[in-house]
Amino acid sequence: VTTLDRPALTVSQSDAYSYDDDHVMVSVTLHCNTPVPFFLKEWNVNFPALLKVADDGDLNQQMFGHAVAEGEELFFGFKCIRNKLVSSSDIDEEPILHVILEDD
């Protein structure tokens, strides 16, 4: 969905923090550009082969059912495990966060 030539959500910040030998916390901040409120229906994230979301690593479950309005920011967090057995060609992949929106 685009609004005034802007996507409904834009990434305003993303960071990765190493907190153990093989664990990484990834945070992504999305800015809402839609004039009409919506709900988050679902999301998924694809990381390069270097990272895998831990079994309990999707920290965003409380975001379901929360109305999001223009100007608000959404903060996603993922606990990941670093895969040390990755070839150098797999490191160049871009991470992708897919978000599906639902209106009332």
Protein backbone atom coordinates (compact mmCIF):
# COMPACT_ATOMS: atom_id res chain seq x y z
CA VAL A 1 0.00 0.00 0.00
CA THR A 2 1.38 3.41 -0.91
CA THR A 3 0.20 6.76 0.36
CA LEU A 4 1.27 9.97 -1.37
CA ASP A 5 4.09 8.11 -3.13
CA ARG A 6 5.32 6.58 0.14
CA PRO A 7 4.94 3.00 1.31
CA ALA A 8 2.59 2.38 4.24
CA LEU A 9 5.59 1.50 6.42
CA THR A 10 9.18 2.64 6.07
CA VAL A 11 12.23 1.43 7.97
CA SER A 12 13.53 4.28 10.09
CA GLN A 13 16.21 2.29 11.92
CA SER A 14 17.64 -1.21 12.21
CA ASP A 15 20.36 -2.47 14.50
CA ALA A 16 22.01 -5.74 15.48
CA TYR A 17 23.58 -6.31 18.89
CA SER A 18 25.78 -9.29 19.69
CA TYR A 19 25.12 -10.46 23.25
CA ASP A 20 26.77 -13.86 23.42
CA ASP A 21 29.25 -15.89 21.39
CA ASP A 22 26.55 -17.00 18.99
CA HIS A 23 23.50 -14.81 19.73
CA VAL A 24 22.40 -11.54 18.15
CA MET A 25 19.47 -9.27 18.99
CA VAL A 26 18.03 -7.55 15.90
CA SER A 27 15.76 -4.53 16.24
CA VAL A 28 13.83 -2.85 13.43
CA THR A 29 11.85 0.38 13.74
CA LEU A 30 9.11 1.02 11.17
CA HIS A 31 7.40 4.38 10.68
CA CYS A 32 3.70 4.41 9.70
CA ASN A 33 2.83 6.67 6.75
CA THR A 34 -0.86 5.78 6.26
CA PRO A 35 -3.60 8.28 7.10
CA VAL A 36 -5.99 5.42 7.91
CA PRO A 37 -5.34 3.26 11.01
CA PHE A 38 -4.64 -0.43 10.46
CA PHE A 39 -3.77 -3.59 12.36
CA LEU A 40 -0.82 -5.90 11.90
CA LYS A 41 -2.18 -9.13 10.46
CA GLU A 42 1.11 -11.01 10.22
CA TRP A 43 4.81 -10.65 9.62
CA ASN A 44 7.86 -12.74 8.95
CA VAL A 45 11.52 -12.02 8.64
CA ASN A 46 14.11 -13.58 6.36
CA PHE A 47 17.70 -13.19 7.43
CA PRO A 48 20.82 -14.18 5.51
CA ALA A 49 21.99 -17.73 6.25
CA LEU A 50 24.34 -16.23 8.84
CA LEU A 51 21.39 -15.65 11.23
CA LYS A 52 18.43 -17.78 12.28
CA VAL A 53 15.58 -16.57 14.49
CA ALA A 54 15.69 -18.57 17.73
CA ASP A 55 12.70 -20.79 18.57
CA ASP A 56 11.56 -18.20 21.13
CA GLY A 57 13.06 -15.32 19.16
CA ASP A 58 10.03 -13.48 17.74
CA LEU A 59 9.48 -10.88 20.47
CA ASN A 60 6.54 -9.19 18.76
CA GLN A 61 3.46 -11.21 19.67
CA GLN A 62 1.91 -8.36 21.70
CA MET A 63 1.62 -6.29 18.51
CA PHE A 64 -1.35 -8.29 17.18
CA GLY A 65 -4.62 -6.41 17.58
CA HIS A 66 -2.93 -3.07 18.22
CA ALA A 67 -4.20 -0.26 15.98
CA VAL A 68 -1.43 1.70 14.26
CA ALA A 69 -1.99 5.27 13.06
CA GLU A 70 -0.06 7.72 10.92
CA GLY A 71 3.16 8.90 12.50
CA GLU A 72 3.46 6.02 14.95
CA GLU A 73 6.51 3.81 15.08
CA LEU A 74 6.53 0.04 15.39
CA PHE A 75 9.43 -1.64 17.15
CA PHE A 76 10.21 -5.22 16.13
CA GLY A 77 12.71 -7.36 18.00
CA PHE A 78 14.20 -10.75 17.12
CA LYS A 79 16.56 -12.97 19.10
CA CYS A 80 18.78 -14.75 16.61
CA ILE A 81 21.42 -17.45 16.61
CA ARG A 82 24.55 -16.93 14.55
CA ASN A 83 25.31 -19.77 12.14
CA LYS A 84 29.09 -20.21 12.10
CA LEU A 85 29.02 -22.74 9.26
CA VAL A 86 28.09 -20.35 6.46
CA SER A 87 29.92 -19.79 3.19
CA SER A 88 31.04 -16.28 2.33
CA SER A 89 28.59 -16.14 -0.62
CA ASP A 90 25.63 -16.43 1.80
CA ILE A 91 26.71 -13.42 3.86
CA ASP A 92 25.77 -10.90 1.15
CA GLU A 93 22.03 -11.71 1.28
CA GLU A 94 19.78 -8.83 2.37
CA PRO A 95 17.45 -9.31 5.36
CA ILE A 96 13.76 -8.79 4.58
CA LEU A 97 10.91 -8.05 6.99
CA HIS A 98 7.50 -8.76 5.42
CA VAL A 99 4.54 -7.09 7.15
CA ILE A 100 0.92 -7.70 6.15
CA LEU A 101 -1.56 -5.01 7.19
CA GLU A 102 -5.30 -5.27 7.78
CA ASP A 103 -7.80 -2.42 8.05
CA ASP A 104 -11.05 -2.44 10.05
